Amino acid sequence: MREVILTTLTGFIVGLLFTRLKLPIPAPPNLAGVMGIVGILLGYLVATKFGIGK
C-alpha cells in the first residue's frame, strides 16, 4: 500500500510540475486513455499468471 501512495504522490507532483512549466502532460488527459493503460496492465497480469505467450 505504501508503494501505491508514494507512486500516486509522485505522479501528482509530476503533474503539478508539468503544468507549472507549461509542458504537455505525459499521460492520457481523459478517463478513456487512463482505462486503456489499466487494460494493458490487466492483460499483462493475466498473461503472466496463466503463462500466455511463453
N, C-alpha and C. Protein backbone atom coordinates (compact mmCIF):
# COMPACT_ATOMS: atom_id res chain seq x y z
N MET A 1 0.82 -1.19 0.00
CA MET A 1 0.00 0.00 0.00
C MET A 1 0.87 1.26 0.00
N ARG A 2 1.99 1.17 0.69
CA ARG A 2 2.90 2.32 0.74
C ARG A 2 3.39 2.69 -0.66
N GLU A 3 3.68 1.66 -1.45
CA GLU A 3 4.15 1.88 -2.82
C GLU A 3 3.10 2.61 -3.65
N VAL A 4 1.84 2.24 -3.50
CA VAL A 4 0.75 2.89 -4.23
C VAL A 4 0.62 4.35 -3.83
N ILE A 5 0.71 4.64 -2.55
CA ILE A 5 0.61 6.01 -2.07
C ILE A 5 1.78 6.85 -2.58
N LEU A 6 3.00 6.31 -2.51
CA LEU A 6 4.17 7.05 -2.98
C LEU A 6 4.12 7.28 -4.49
N THR A 7 3.66 6.28 -5.23
CA THR A 7 3.54 6.43 -6.68
C THR A 7 2.50 7.48 -7.04
N THR A 8 1.38 7.47 -6.36
CA THR A 8 0.34 8.46 -6.60
C THR A 8 0.83 9.86 -6.26
N LEU A 9 1.51 10.00 -5.15
CA LEU A 9 2.07 11.30 -4.76
C LEU A 9 3.10 11.78 -5.78
N THR A 10 3.95 10.88 -6.25
CA THR A 10 4.94 11.24 -7.25
C THR A 10 4.27 11.70 -8.54
N GLY A 11 3.27 10.97 -8.99
CA GLY A 11 2.53 11.36 -10.19
C GLY A 11 1.85 12.72 -10.03
N PHE A 12 1.32 12.98 -8.85
CA PHE A 12 0.68 14.26 -8.57
C PHE A 12 1.69 15.40 -8.67
N ILE A 13 2.85 15.19 -8.09
CA ILE A 13 3.90 16.22 -8.12
C ILE A 13 4.38 16.44 -9.55
N VAL A 14 4.55 15.37 -10.31
CA VAL A 14 4.97 15.49 -11.71
C VAL A 14 3.91 16.26 -12.51
N GLY A 15 2.64 15.96 -12.27
CA GLY A 15 1.56 16.69 -12.94
C GLY A 15 1.61 18.18 -12.63
N LEU A 16 1.84 18.52 -11.37
CA LEU A 16 1.97 19.93 -10.99
C LEU A 16 3.16 20.58 -11.68
N LEU A 17 4.28 19.86 -11.70
CA LEU A 17 5.49 20.39 -12.32
C LEU A 17 5.30 20.63 -13.82
N PHE A 18 4.70 19.66 -14.51
CA PHE A 18 4.46 19.82 -15.94
C PHE A 18 3.54 21.00 -16.21
N THR A 19 2.52 21.19 -15.38
CA THR A 19 1.61 22.32 -15.55
C THR A 19 2.35 23.62 -15.32
N ARG A 20 3.15 23.68 -14.28
CA ARG A 20 3.90 24.90 -13.95
C ARG A 20 4.88 25.28 -15.08
N LEU A 21 5.49 24.27 -15.69
CA LEU A 21 6.45 24.52 -16.77
C LEU A 21 5.77 24.64 -18.15
N LYS A 22 4.43 24.54 -18.15
CA LYS A 22 3.62 24.64 -19.38
C LYS A 22 4.03 23.60 -20.42
N LEU A 23 4.26 22.38 -19.95
CA LEU A 23 4.59 21.26 -20.82
C LEU A 23 3.35 20.39 -21.00
N PRO A 24 3.26 19.67 -22.10
CA PRO A 24 2.12 18.76 -22.27
C PRO A 24 2.21 17.61 -21.27
N ILE A 25 1.09 17.21 -20.76
CA ILE A 25 1.05 16.15 -19.76
C ILE A 25 1.53 14.82 -20.39
N PRO A 26 2.37 14.06 -19.71
CA PRO A 26 2.90 12.82 -20.27
C PRO A 26 1.99 11.61 -20.04
N ALA A 27 0.68 11.85 -20.04
CA ALA A 27 -0.28 10.78 -19.80
C ALA A 27 -1.57 11.14 -20.56
N PRO A 28 -2.43 10.16 -20.78
CA PRO A 28 -3.69 10.47 -21.45
C PRO A 28 -4.50 11.46 -20.61
N PRO A 29 -5.01 12.53 -21.21
CA PRO A 29 -5.71 13.55 -20.45
C PRO A 29 -7.19 13.26 -20.20
N ASN A 30 -7.63 12.02 -20.42
CA ASN A 30 -9.03 11.70 -20.18
C ASN A 30 -9.16 10.29 -19.62
N LEU A 31 -10.34 9.99 -19.12
CA LEU A 31 -10.57 8.70 -18.47
C LEU A 31 -10.41 7.53 -19.44
N ALA A 32 -10.83 7.69 -20.68
CA ALA A 32 -10.70 6.59 -21.65
C ALA A 32 -9.24 6.21 -21.85
N GLY A 33 -8.36 7.20 -21.92
CA GLY A 33 -6.93 6.92 -22.07
C GLY A 33 -6.35 6.22 -20.87
N VAL A 34 -6.76 6.66 -19.69
CA VAL A 34 -6.28 6.04 -18.45
C VAL A 34 -6.77 4.59 -18.37
N MET A 35 -8.03 4.35 -18.74
CA MET A 35 -8.56 2.99 -18.70
C MET A 35 -7.87 2.10 -19.72
N GLY A 36 -7.40 2.67 -20.82
CA GLY A 36 -6.61 1.89 -21.79
C GLY A 36 -5.33 1.39 -21.15
N ILE A 37 -4.68 2.24 -20.38
CA ILE A 37 -3.45 1.84 -19.67
C ILE A 37 -3.77 0.78 -18.63
N VAL A 38 -4.88 0.94 -17.91
CA VAL A 38 -5.30 -0.08 -16.93
C VAL A 38 -5.55 -1.41 -17.64
N GLY A 39 -6.17 -1.37 -18.81
CA GLY A 39 -6.42 -2.59 -19.58
C GLY A 39 -5.14 -3.29 -19.99
N ILE A 40 -4.15 -2.51 -20.39
CA ILE A 40 -2.85 -3.09 -20.75
C ILE A 40 -2.24 -3.79 -19.53
N LEU A 41 -2.30 -3.14 -18.38
CA LEU A 41 -1.77 -3.74 -17.15
C LEU A 41 -2.50 -5.04 -16.82
N LEU A 42 -3.82 -5.02 -16.89
CA LEU A 42 -4.60 -6.22 -16.57
C LEU A 42 -4.30 -7.35 -17.55
N GLY A 43 -4.17 -7.02 -18.84
CA GLY A 43 -3.81 -8.04 -19.83
C GLY A 43 -2.46 -8.66 -19.53
N TYR A 44 -1.50 -7.82 -19.15
CA TYR A 44 -0.17 -8.31 -18.80
C TYR A 44 -0.23 -9.24 -17.58
N LEU A 45 -0.98 -8.83 -16.57
CA LEU A 45 -1.07 -9.65 -15.36
C LEU A 45 -1.72 -11.00 -15.64
N VAL A 46 -2.78 -11.01 -16.43
CA VAL A 46 -3.44 -12.28 -16.77
C VAL A 46 -2.50 -13.16 -17.59
N ALA A 47 -1.80 -12.56 -18.57
CA ALA A 47 -0.89 -13.34 -19.42
C ALA A 47 0.23 -13.96 -18.59
N THR A 48 0.79 -13.21 -17.65
CA THR A 48 1.88 -13.78 -16.85
C THR A 48 1.37 -14.82 -15.86
N LYS A 49 0.16 -14.64 -15.35
CA LYS A 49 -0.39 -15.61 -14.40
C LYS A 49 -0.67 -16.95 -15.06
N PHE A 50 -1.18 -16.93 -16.30
CA PHE A 50 -1.54 -18.16 -16.98
C PHE A 50 -0.50 -18.61 -18.00
N GLY A 51 0.64 -17.96 -18.05
CA GLY A 51 1.73 -18.39 -18.92
C GLY A 51 1.44 -18.22 -20.40
N ILE A 52 0.59 -17.25 -20.73
CA ILE A 52 0.26 -17.00 -22.13
C ILE A 52 1.45 -16.28 -22.79
N GLY A 53 1.84 -16.72 -23.97
CA GLY A 53 2.89 -16.06 -24.71
C GLY A 53 4.29 -16.56 -24.41
N LYS A 54 4.41 -17.64 -23.68
CA LYS A 54 5.74 -18.18 -23.38
C LYS A 54 6.20 -19.06 -24.51
